[in-house]
C-alpha atoms as a PDB file:
ATOM      1  CA  MET A   1       0.054   0.058   0.031  1.00  0.00           C
ATOM      2  CA  SER A   2       1.339   3.458  -0.899  1.00  0.00           C
ATOM      3  CA  ASN A   3       1.165   6.496   1.361  1.00  0.00           C
ATOM      4  CA  GLU A   4       0.243   9.111  -1.300  1.00  0.00           C
ATOM      5  CA  HIS A   5      -3.483   9.153  -0.294  1.00  0.00           C
ATOM      6  CA  GLY A   6      -2.510   9.272   3.618  1.00  0.00           C
ATOM      7  CA  ASN A   7      -3.783  11.775   6.189  1.00  0.00           C
ATOM      8  CA  LEU A   8      -2.866  15.360   5.885  1.00  0.00           C
ATOM      9  CA  ILE A   9      -3.080  15.694   9.715  1.00  0.00           C
ATOM     10  CA  LYS A  10      -0.208  13.589  11.239  1.00  0.00           C
ATOM     11  CA  SER A  11      -0.221  14.900  14.811  1.00  0.00           C
ATOM     12  CA  PRO A  12      -2.753  16.012  17.615  1.00  0.00           C
ATOM     13  CA  LYS A  13      -1.257  19.408  17.566  1.00  0.00           C
ATOM     14  CA  GLN A  14      -2.024  19.715  13.685  1.00  0.00           C
ATOM     15  CA  LEU A  15      -5.731  18.515  14.512  1.00  0.00           C
ATOM     16  CA  ILE A  16      -6.253  21.165  17.234  1.00  0.00           C
ATOM     17  CA  ILE A  17      -4.931  23.976  14.835  1.00  0.00           C
ATOM     18  CA  MET A  18      -7.069  22.744  11.958  1.00  0.00           C
ATOM     19  CA  VAL A  19     -10.299  22.554  14.238  1.00  0.00           C
ATOM     20  CA  PHE A  20      -9.776  26.236  15.335  1.00  0.00           C
ATOM     21  CA  ALA A  21      -8.779  27.383  12.010  1.00  0.00           C
ATOM     22  CA  SER A  22     -11.887  25.692  10.482  1.00  0.00           C
ATOM     23  CA  PHE A  23     -14.229  27.447  12.920  1.00  0.00           C
ATOM     24  CA  PHE A  24     -12.460  30.979  13.100  1.00  0.00           C
ATOM     25  CA  VAL A  25     -11.342  31.617   9.619  1.00  0.00           C
ATOM     26  CA  PRO A  26     -15.073  31.771   8.300  1.00  0.00           C
ATOM     27  CA  LEU A  27     -16.121  33.699  11.169  1.00  0.00           C
ATOM     28  CA  ILE A  28     -13.502  36.262  10.575  1.00  0.00           C
ATOM     29  CA  ILE A  29     -14.236  36.470   6.781  1.00  0.00           C
ATOM     30  CA  ILE A  30     -17.968  36.801   7.705  1.00  0.00           C
ATOM     31  CA  LEU A  31     -17.271  39.734  10.033  1.00  0.00           C
ATOM     32  CA  LEU A  32     -14.999  41.542   7.502  1.00  0.00           C
ATOM     33  CA  LEU A  33     -17.807  41.024   4.868  1.00  0.00           C
ATOM     34  CA  MET A  34     -20.296  42.693   7.279  1.00  0.00           C
ATOM     35  CA  VAL A  35     -18.002  45.636   7.897  1.00  0.00           C
ATOM     36  CA  PHE A  36     -17.334  46.045   4.328  1.00  0.00           C
ATOM     37  CA  VAL A  37     -20.970  46.117   3.339  1.00  0.00           C
ATOM     38  CA  ASN A  38     -22.039  48.469   6.032  1.00  0.00           C
ATOM     39  CA  ASN A  39     -18.980  50.921   5.490  1.00  0.00           C
ATOM     40  CA  GLY A  40     -20.173  54.395   4.441  1.00  0.00           C
ATOM     41  CA  LYS A  41     -24.073  53.658   4.204  1.00  0.00           C
ATOM     42  CA  ARG A  42     -24.918  54.793   7.745  1.00  0.00           C
ATOM     43  CA  GLY A  43     -25.646  58.453   6.794  1.00  0.00           C
ATOM     44  CA  GLU A  44     -27.486  57.660   3.758  1.00  0.00           C
ATOM     45  CA  THR A  45     -29.737  54.939   4.846  1.00  0.00           C
ATOM     46  CA  THR A  46     -31.435  57.173   7.590  1.00  0.00           C
ATOM     47  CA  ALA A  47     -33.102  59.483   4.943  1.00  0.00           C
ATOM     48  CA  SER A  48     -33.851  56.774   2.477  1.00  0.00           C
ATOM     49  CA  THR A  49     -35.254  54.367   5.158  1.00  0.00           C
ATOM     50  CA  GLU A  50     -37.587  57.284   6.345  1.00  0.00           C
ATOM     51  CA  GLN A  51     -38.775  57.860   2.766  1.00  0.00           C
ATOM     52  CA  LEU A  52     -39.220  54.132   2.203  1.00  0.00           C
ATOM     53  CA  ILE A  53     -41.415  53.611   5.272  1.00  0.00           C
ATOM     54  CA  ALA A  54     -43.436  56.956   5.026  1.00  0.00           C
ATOM     55  CA  PRO A  55     -47.082  56.287   4.718  1.00  0.00           C
ATOM     56  CA  VAL A  56     -48.501  56.586   1.237  1.00  0.00           C
ATOM     57  CA  ALA A  57     -51.360  58.869   2.413  1.00  0.00           C
ATOM     58  CA  LYS A  58     -51.733  60.842   5.604  1.00  0.00           C
ATOM     59  CA  LEU A  59     -55.136  60.521   7.100  1.00  0.00           C
ATOM     60  CA  ASN A  60     -56.552  63.729   8.750  1.00  0.00           C
ATOM     61  CA  PHE A  61     -58.668  62.522  11.653  1.00  0.00           C
ATOM     62  CA  LYS A  62     -60.959  65.085  13.227  1.00  0.00           C
ATOM     63  CA  ASP A  63     -63.940  65.290  15.580  1.00  0.00           C
ATOM     64  CA  ALA A  64     -67.017  64.800  13.387  1.00  0.00           C
ATOM     65  CA  SER A  65     -68.970  66.904  15.838  1.00  0.00           C
ATOM     66  CA  GLY A  66     -66.401  69.629  15.934  1.00  0.00           C
ATOM     67  CA  PRO A  67     -66.700  72.744  13.794  1.00  0.00           C
ATOM     68  CA  HIS A  68     -65.798  72.469  10.151  1.00  0.00           C
ATOM     69  CA  GLU A  69     -62.482  73.966   9.222  1.00  0.00           C
ATOM     70  CA  VAL A  70     -62.670  75.822   6.064  1.00  0.00           C
ATOM     71  CA  GLN A  71     -60.011  74.770   3.507  1.00  0.00           C
ATOM     72  CA  THR A  72     -58.249  77.100   1.069  1.00  0.00           C
ATOM     73  CA  GLY A  73     -58.531  76.687  -2.630  1.00  0.00           C
ATOM     74  CA  GLU A  74     -55.167  75.108  -2.900  1.00  0.00           C
ATOM     75  CA  GLN A  75     -56.026  72.535  -0.225  1.00  0.00           C
ATOM     76  CA  VAL A  76     -59.254  71.772  -2.097  1.00  0.00           C
ATOM     77  CA  TYR A  77     -57.145  71.458  -5.332  1.00  0.00           C
ATOM     78  CA  LYS A  78     -54.770  68.945  -3.967  1.00  0.00           C
ATOM     79  CA  ALA A  79     -57.501  66.930  -2.087  1.00  0.00           C
ATOM     80  CA  VAL A  80     -60.109  66.795  -4.879  1.00  0.00           C
ATOM     81  CA  CYS A  81     -59.068  68.289  -8.189  1.00  0.00           C
ATOM     82  CA  SER A  82     -55.496  67.416  -8.625  1.00  0.00           C
ATOM     83  CA  ALA A  83     -56.336  63.741  -9.399  1.00  0.00           C
ATOM     84  CA  CYS A  84     -57.499  64.761 -12.898  1.00  0.00           C
ATOM     85  CA  HIS A  85     -56.332  68.356 -13.381  1.00  0.00           C
ATOM     86  CA  ALA A  86     -52.718  67.744 -12.518  1.00  0.00           C
ATOM     87  CA  THR A  87     -52.349  65.007 -15.271  1.00  0.00           C
ATOM     88  CA  GLY A  88     -55.131  66.149 -17.679  1.00  0.00           C
ATOM     89  CA  ALA A  89     -56.938  62.734 -17.216  1.00  0.00           C
ATOM     90  CA  ALA A  90     -60.022  62.238 -19.101  1.00  0.00           C
ATOM     91  CA  GLY A  91     -59.841  65.595 -20.982  1.00  0.00           C
ATOM     92  CA  ALA A  92     -59.477  67.809 -17.782  1.00  0.00           C
ATOM     93  CA  PRO A  93     -57.527  70.927 -18.426  1.00  0.00           C
ATOM     94  CA  LYS A  94     -54.278  70.835 -16.827  1.00  0.00           C
ATOM     95  CA  PHE A  95     -53.551  73.021 -13.853  1.00  0.00           C
ATOM     96  CA  GLY A  96     -51.882  76.179 -15.136  1.00  0.00           C
ATOM     97  CA  ASP A  97     -52.505  75.436 -18.883  1.00  0.00           C
ATOM     98  CA  THR A  98     -53.415  78.978 -20.108  1.00  0.00           C
ATOM     99  CA  ALA A  99     -54.697  77.791 -23.527  1.00  0.00           C
ATOM    100  CA  ALA A 100     -56.828  74.999 -22.275  1.00  0.00           C
ATOM    101  CA  TRP A 101     -58.305  77.180 -19.482  1.00  0.00           C
ATOM    102  CA  ALA A 102     -58.852  80.498 -21.673  1.00  0.00           C
ATOM    103  CA  PRO A 103     -62.151  79.328 -23.118  1.00  0.00           C
ATOM    104  CA  ARG A 104     -63.592  78.248 -19.722  1.00  0.00           C
ATOM    105  CA  ILE A 105     -62.353  81.388 -17.851  1.00  0.00           C
ATOM    106  CA  ALA A 106     -64.062  83.345 -20.770  1.00  0.00           C
ATOM    107  CA  LYS A 107     -67.571  81.917 -19.875  1.00  0.00           C
ATOM    108  CA  GLY A 108     -67.133  83.297 -16.255  1.00  0.00           C
ATOM    109  CA  TYR A 109     -67.078  82.124 -12.697  1.00  0.00           C
ATOM    110  CA  ASP A 110     -70.860  81.187 -12.632  1.00  0.00           C
ATOM    111  CA  ALA A 111     -70.401  78.825 -15.534  1.00  0.00           C
ATOM    112  CA  LEU A 112     -67.501  77.238 -13.893  1.00  0.00           C
ATOM    113  CA  MET A 113     -69.323  76.625 -10.671  1.00  0.00           C
ATOM    114  CA  THR A 114     -72.217  75.184 -12.372  1.00  0.00           C
ATOM    115  CA  SER A 115     -69.918  72.706 -14.236  1.00  0.00           C
ATOM    116  CA  VAL A 116     -68.206  71.817 -10.800  1.00  0.00           C
ATOM    117  CA  LEU A 117     -71.405  71.421  -8.912  1.00  0.00           C
ATOM    118  CA  LYS A 118     -73.255  69.550 -11.536  1.00  0.00           C
ATOM    119  CA  GLY A 119     -70.447  67.865 -13.421  1.00  0.00           C
ATOM    120  CA  LYS A 120     -69.537  68.052 -16.835  1.00  0.00           C
ATOM    121  CA  ASN A 121     -68.260  65.312 -19.454  1.00  0.00           C
ATOM    122  CA  ALA A 122     -66.152  62.854 -17.358  1.00  0.00           C
ATOM    123  CA  MET A 123     -66.000  65.119 -14.289  1.00  0.00           C
ATOM    124  CA  PRO A 124     -68.496  63.866 -11.642  1.00  0.00           C
ATOM    125  CA  ALA A 125     -70.616  66.379  -9.685  1.00  0.00           C
ATOM    126  CA  ARG A 126     -68.638  68.295  -7.198  1.00  0.00           C
ATOM    127  CA  GLY A 127     -65.448  66.663  -8.460  1.00  0.00           C
ATOM    128  CA  GLY A 128     -66.421  63.673  -6.698  1.00  0.00           C
ATOM    129  CA  SER A 129     -66.477  65.002  -3.324  1.00  0.00           C
ATOM    130  CA  ASN A 130     -68.789  64.718  -0.425  1.00  0.00           C
ATOM    131  CA  PRO A 131     -70.786  67.914   0.477  1.00  0.00           C
ATOM    132  CA  ALA A 132     -70.167  67.034   4.099  1.00  0.00           C
ATOM    133  CA  ASP A 133     -66.541  67.211   3.500  1.00  0.00           C
ATOM    134  CA  VAL A 134     -66.236  69.990   0.986  1.00  0.00           C
ATOM    135  CA  SER A 135     -68.525  72.847   0.864  1.00  0.00           C
ATOM    136  CA  ASP A 136     -69.726  74.935  -2.271  1.00  0.00           C
ATOM    137  CA  TYR A 137     -67.628  77.811  -0.883  1.00  0.00           C
ATOM    138  CA  GLU A 138     -64.548  75.699  -0.708  1.00  0.00           C
ATOM    139  CA  LEU A 139     -65.065  74.457  -4.092  1.00  0.00           C
ATOM    140  CA  GLY A 140     -65.508  77.948  -5.282  1.00  0.00           C
ATOM    141  CA  ARG A 141     -62.132  78.822  -3.721  1.00  0.00           C
ATOM    142  CA  ALA A 142     -60.687  75.830  -5.634  1.00  0.00           C
ATOM    143  CA  VAL A 143     -62.093  77.253  -8.937  1.00  0.00           C
ATOM    144  CA  VAL A 144     -60.578  80.661  -8.109  1.00  0.00           C
ATOM    145  CA  TYR A 145     -57.204  78.991  -7.368  1.00  0.00           C
ATOM    146  CA  MET A 146     -57.131  76.926 -10.572  1.00  0.00           C
ATOM    147  CA  THR A 147     -58.225  79.775 -12.748  1.00  0.00           C
ATOM    148  CA  ALA A 148     -55.653  82.123 -11.220  1.00  0.00           C
ATOM    149  CA  ALA A 149     -52.863  79.826 -12.091  1.00  0.00           C
ATOM    150  CA  ALA A 150     -54.061  80.000 -15.703  1.00  0.00           C
ATOM    151  CA  GLY A 151     -54.481  83.798 -15.732  1.00  0.00           C
ATOM    152  CA  GLY A 152     -57.978  84.133 -14.487  1.00  0.00           C
ATOM    153  CA  LYS A 153     -58.885  87.228 -12.359  1.00  0.00           C
ATOM    154  CA  PHE A 154     -61.901  86.004 -10.509  1.00  0.00           C
ATOM    155  CA  PRO A 155     -62.435  87.394  -7.024  1.00  0.00           C
ATOM    156  CA  GLU A 156     -62.544  85.093  -3.954  1.00  0.00           C
ATOM    157  CA  PRO A 157     -66.105  84.094  -3.201  1.00  0.00           C
ATOM    158  CA  LYS A 158     -67.678  85.519  -0.208  1.00  0.00           C
ATOM    159  CA  ALA A 159     -67.795  83.271   2.790  1.00  0.00           C
ATOM    160  CA  PRO A 160     -71.193  81.926   3.743  1.00  0.00           C
ATOM    161  CA  ALA A 161     -72.708  83.399   6.912  1.00  0.00           C
ATOM    162  CA  ALA A 162     -72.159  81.337  10.154  1.00  0.00           C
ATOM    163  CA  THR A 163     -75.094  79.432  11.259  1.00  0.00           C
ATOM    164  CA  PRO A 164     -76.288  79.629  14.854  1.00  0.00           C
ATOM    165  CA  GLU A 165     -75.296  75.995  15.455  1.00  0.00           C
ATOM    166  CA  ALA A 166     -71.617  76.677  14.394  1.00  0.00           C
ATOM    167  CA  LYS A 167     -71.229  79.563  17.038  1.00  0.00           C
END
């Protein structure tokens, strides 16, 4: 029998060294890889992680029995109108597009409010909003806001008189 395929470990001292090496060498390699992967990413991950875990929509919880907070035209535009008017979906004139808004502005504020309240073409009545959430006054403010961005000069609508219950 030849010894060419014999054992590589010939003494107990070599056996102990090989056992420790087979355990600690992979452990050291793993630790070095962890340090390499995490190196330089600490500052960047904080901002990107916050963006990744940010909620898609922010809910506005309010007391239903409390007084109604009047929204600005911009707030109503962002909440109700921007879904179509920001992109021009279903033929809606884009926000700030002077050419698309000019014929509508020429018809006047009352005609625009009638279109908003009753709906026109693909636009649902009140822009799809609920009268309990968005009042006619707030929709009027949104009309003034959108037309002002396209060159319209309509005055801000008058605030409705406060009801005795709201006082």
